[in-house]
Each structure stands twice: as structure tokens, then as C-alpha cells.
Amino acid sequence: MLYPAKRCYSIFLLAILNMLLLLCLLFLTPLIAFAEIPENFVLEITGDGITNPVSLTLAELETMEQYQRVYSTINTWPTKSWYAGKGVRLRELLAAAKIKEEARLIRFVSSDGYEVTLTVKELFEDERYYFPGLKDNHPHDGSVPGSTKGKTEIEPILALLSAEDSSDLADMNDRDSLLLMFGQRAITEQTNNLFLKRVCKIEVLTAAPEKWDNPKVNIPDGTVVPEGTMLTLSNKQNNEDKIHYTTDGSTPTVNSPIFNWSASRWWPLRSDNLSLVNSPIEIKKDTVIKAITIGPGKEDSEVVTYTFTVDHTGMVADPTKTAGGPPTGITLDRETINLKPGSTFRLAASITPYNAADQQVVWSSSDTRAVVVDNKGLVSVVGPGTAVITAKTVDGGHTATCIVNGPGEDSGQVAAPITDAGLSGGELPENPAKLPEPPAPEPEIGADFGKEKDLLTDESAVVAAGKGDKSQHLSSGQLTRQLPEDERQLPEGKGQYLVEKKDFADSPVFTETGLPGNQSRQVFEVSPSTITFPLQEAPKNLHAYMVTIFFVLFLYGIGKRYAEYIKEQ
């Protein structure tokens, strides 16, 4: 049997990863007890959604009534599989913690830092089932629905014993204990990616769940299309959140067909057959598409409706294959967002026309010490302050902004968005500290994250940040004007890094540098004779030890990633 080049490459790569995994296990087995539950293990149940915080040891969990079942499940590849589990009902655990009626969210945290958040509604109020006919019609492919015949309602549990990809209760062990397990609401629902291993903490929260973003179609609503036009649906994530749709005018539910069967995390590995799994919708007659986004941890999106009329004259061009020329505008799905430190939010940019020749977006942050953004619009709060996130078309002719308020900021008093015109006249404002900064230059390889270049000695940084106009370059905590070339040189005899205190105190660098808040300025004098610090001699074998530890950790990381891949397969 002949395989395409990409598939041969994937098989070869998996073989290499398999060998590395075996080496990793050989190295790690003598050092650690894999997945062994510590003797002092305690399951914590906390949060503002309960009135009686609970801490339970493994022995106490074992004395509680045990619930034993087989679970049907599908992962996000998607692949079908069975799971056997025996453990404590979640309802009993939360009842012991006296869950409040206003509880809305439940966050499960594992000992290795992974988290899964689910709504109370989807976990307890929606009926969940075991489908014995899951593998009917196809034994593995999760995009081929099985049979709902004989479905049995089933309880969510924290399993002390479980068996992956097995329906035999005799195969169960405590390797993944405590394992979060629950049933499917529909025969096609993908739940396996939410089966969290080694749960050690449960947080019950009263915060209202967010909503998933509405699905979008690849051409404008109301378009007249030729017969046979292929339409695609999408949303921001295209991952755990699934787009359910109908074409008969009925309202879609979790039982309706799924468009994005395969999660976006696997698309690079499915480039040869992705369109066969996430199949476009063929329009053969006048069609009304209704779609909704349903996923874990959030409320369902609004139901959106798209109507398309078919032209049978052959005079209308296929809009999905027609180029639209250069961009004429860009918008963001949010104008302002409030995020806590360490939290993230993905902004979605829409370019007009929908079929613009270049759909690429350049993202930037006005203050990378407060908020950073990646090249896909993922915003992350990394420090205090307010920042303006700017999305710009590649040609630079169109921009859209979103204000992000960091911790301690008043959402009613935020910096104004940056406009296309920038600062007028090239003059400095009276109070430059209140203006957002332009995008900072990318850090060099090996540089510390968040550390800015020295603007006194690196003119390229000034040009990059100010786009060639030095008079417009503003950076909080840096100079508000550029020094002449001759003033950038250190005085002779002062060394490369240190200057005399009497010279520095009167310099324009000292007097014009802006420090945030009311921070005081301090200058210290040191001399070679002040104090000496003897250097400690490094152990002779330290280098070898470090190399060995790095190699073991590297192999462990590869093995963990490979195990996740095999699970999704």
C-alpha cells in the first residue's frame, strides 16, 4: 500500500518519538514512581460556591460509596473509545461541601497544573448517558455517529480506579487517580479531552459563565450563490467548542450535526484529509443555515441564521472563489476588555471585504510590560497598567483597537485608542506619560523577556518603535526626547558601565528620566576596595549533572506530548 509523502513523514516521526519515549521511561523509572499517589494526598473542595470547605484523604474517599460504570467517550481527533471507572459520585462530594444554589461553575485542578472548567448546568442539570452503540457504523471514527439505542443515564465521578480504552472492569488500576469522568449528552459529544487525571482540587464558583462566540460563515448572509457552492462555518477557537447546525430551518442543539469535528489543535497533522472530516456544506437549493456554538465551561452562543439563494442561470460567480482586492477596513470583536493578571483573551479581527486578497493581521501592544499579544490575537495580562491592543492590516492602511485594563485600573478612565493619524504635527504632548506607547521592538534571541533596549545607545530601537520619527517615540520610564549623538558617549576614564555620582546627578539622563508613581531616585557609589566577594569553585562534575538532568527532562516532555497524541488517536 502506498502512502502520501506527508503520511510517511508522520509515521517516521512517530516511530522516532516512540523510541525517545522508551528511552525516557528507562531514564525516569529508577528515579520516580510513575503516577503514584502520595501518602499525604488530600482532595480540597473550596470556592465561594460552597458553605462548607472540605478536605478528604484518599482513605476517606475509599470509605465512601463507590460507583462503578463503563463510559462511552470521543476525543477531539475525533476517535471513539470506552473507559471503565470506579469512584465517588461528584454529587455526593459537592453535597458534603454544601454547594450553594447560586453556584454556576466548577473548576477541576490536577496535581500537574492542568485545569478543566465546566458549568453546573452541563455537568448536573443536563442528562448524560453511556451509549453502548457508540462504535456502531464505525469502530473508531468519531465523526461517524453511532447508535443511541440502549443508552443509559450515568453519573459524573472522580474515579479512584479506571481503565483507559477498555470496557473491562478487571483492567482498572489507580494510575490516573483521581480521574474526572462523565457521560455524553449526545452520541457525538466529545468528552474524552475533559477526562482530567490526578484531580487534587475542586473549586465551586458563583461567577456567571461567559458565552461562546457566535459561528460565522465564509461569505456574507443573503448572498446569491451558484448551485454547488461550498460553505464553511467557523468561530474563534474551533477546538473544544463545537459548531452545531441545521439546514432545514430547525433550531440546532447538541444533538444536531457538528461542522468542526476535528479540533484546530490537530489541523497541522490532518492537512491531507481535514476537508473530509470538517466537510463544507454544499448548497444545492435555497437554504437557511442555523448554527450555534456549544462547548465546555461556557454558555451556548446565540443561534445565528444565514440565508442563501441559489441562482440557476449560471450567471453568478462563486463568491468563495472570487478575489476581493485589497482590504478596505478591519474591526475587532471587542472594544474594551477587563482581565485579571495572568488571564488571557483571544481577540478576533474581521477584514472587509470578506474575500480580501490579504487577510493577515499585524498585532501590537502599546505597553508590553502590562499586556502582550501574539500573532493570532491572544491577549495576556503580564503586569499592572492599561494597554491598547492594535490590529493592523498588512498594508498598514487600516487599524482597529481594543483597550485592555490591567489590575487596579479604572475601566472608565483609560487611554484613548491610537488612530491612523498618530500624533499630530510631530510635537510632544504636554503630558506624554498618559499616552499609550507604540509597539515595542521584538526582543533579541537570548534577551530577557520584557527587557527594553537601551534607547541611548541603540538608535535602531528608536526607529523601530517610532517608525522612523524619533520625535514621536514615547516610552514610559525612558527619555521623552532624544539626546544628540555626542551626548550618547560616556566620558573618558569612566569605564564602560559606571560614571561618577557628581556627574550623573546633574546629567539630562538623570533629570529627564520619568519614573512611574512617586518612586524616588537613588544613586550609589562603589569602589573596588569597598568589599570583595570570593568566587566559589564549581563542582567538577556539575556540567555533566546538568546535561543529564536536561536530557531526562527533555525526553520526559517528548514522552508526555506523545502520550497525549496517542490518547487523541
Foldseek 3Di string as FASTA:
>chain_A
DDDDPLVVVVVVVLVVLVVLLVVLCVVCVVPDDALDDDQAAWAWEAAPQFDATDIDGPVRQVPDDKDWAKAWAFAQQTWTFIKTFIGAFPVVVRVVRHGHPLWFKKWWAAPVGDIFMFTCCVQPVQWFWGAPQLCPPHNIDLLDFGDRPPIDTDTWGQGCWMDTRDRDNVRIDRSQGRWTDHGHSESNQHCPVVGHGHTRYMYTYSDAFAEFDFKDKLADFPEAAAAFFFIAIDGLFLAQKWKFKDWPPDATDPHGRTQSSHGPVCCVVCVPCNCVRNPTDGHHAWTKMWIWIDGGRHHIYDIDIGTYGHDHPPPDDGPVPDADEAWDEKEKPAQEDEDEAFDKDAIDMQTPPSRYPAPAKDKFKLAVCAWGADRRRIIHGHDADKIKIWIATPVRPYIYIHIYHYPPDDPVDAADHADSVGDPPLADDPDNVRHGFAGFDDDDVPDDPPDHDQVLPDVVRQCVRVVNRNSRGDDQQAANHHDDPVVSDDDPPQDDPGHDPVVVCPDCRNVRGHDPDPDDDDDDDDDPPPDDDDDDDDDPCPVVVVVVVVSSVVSVVSSVVSVVVVSND
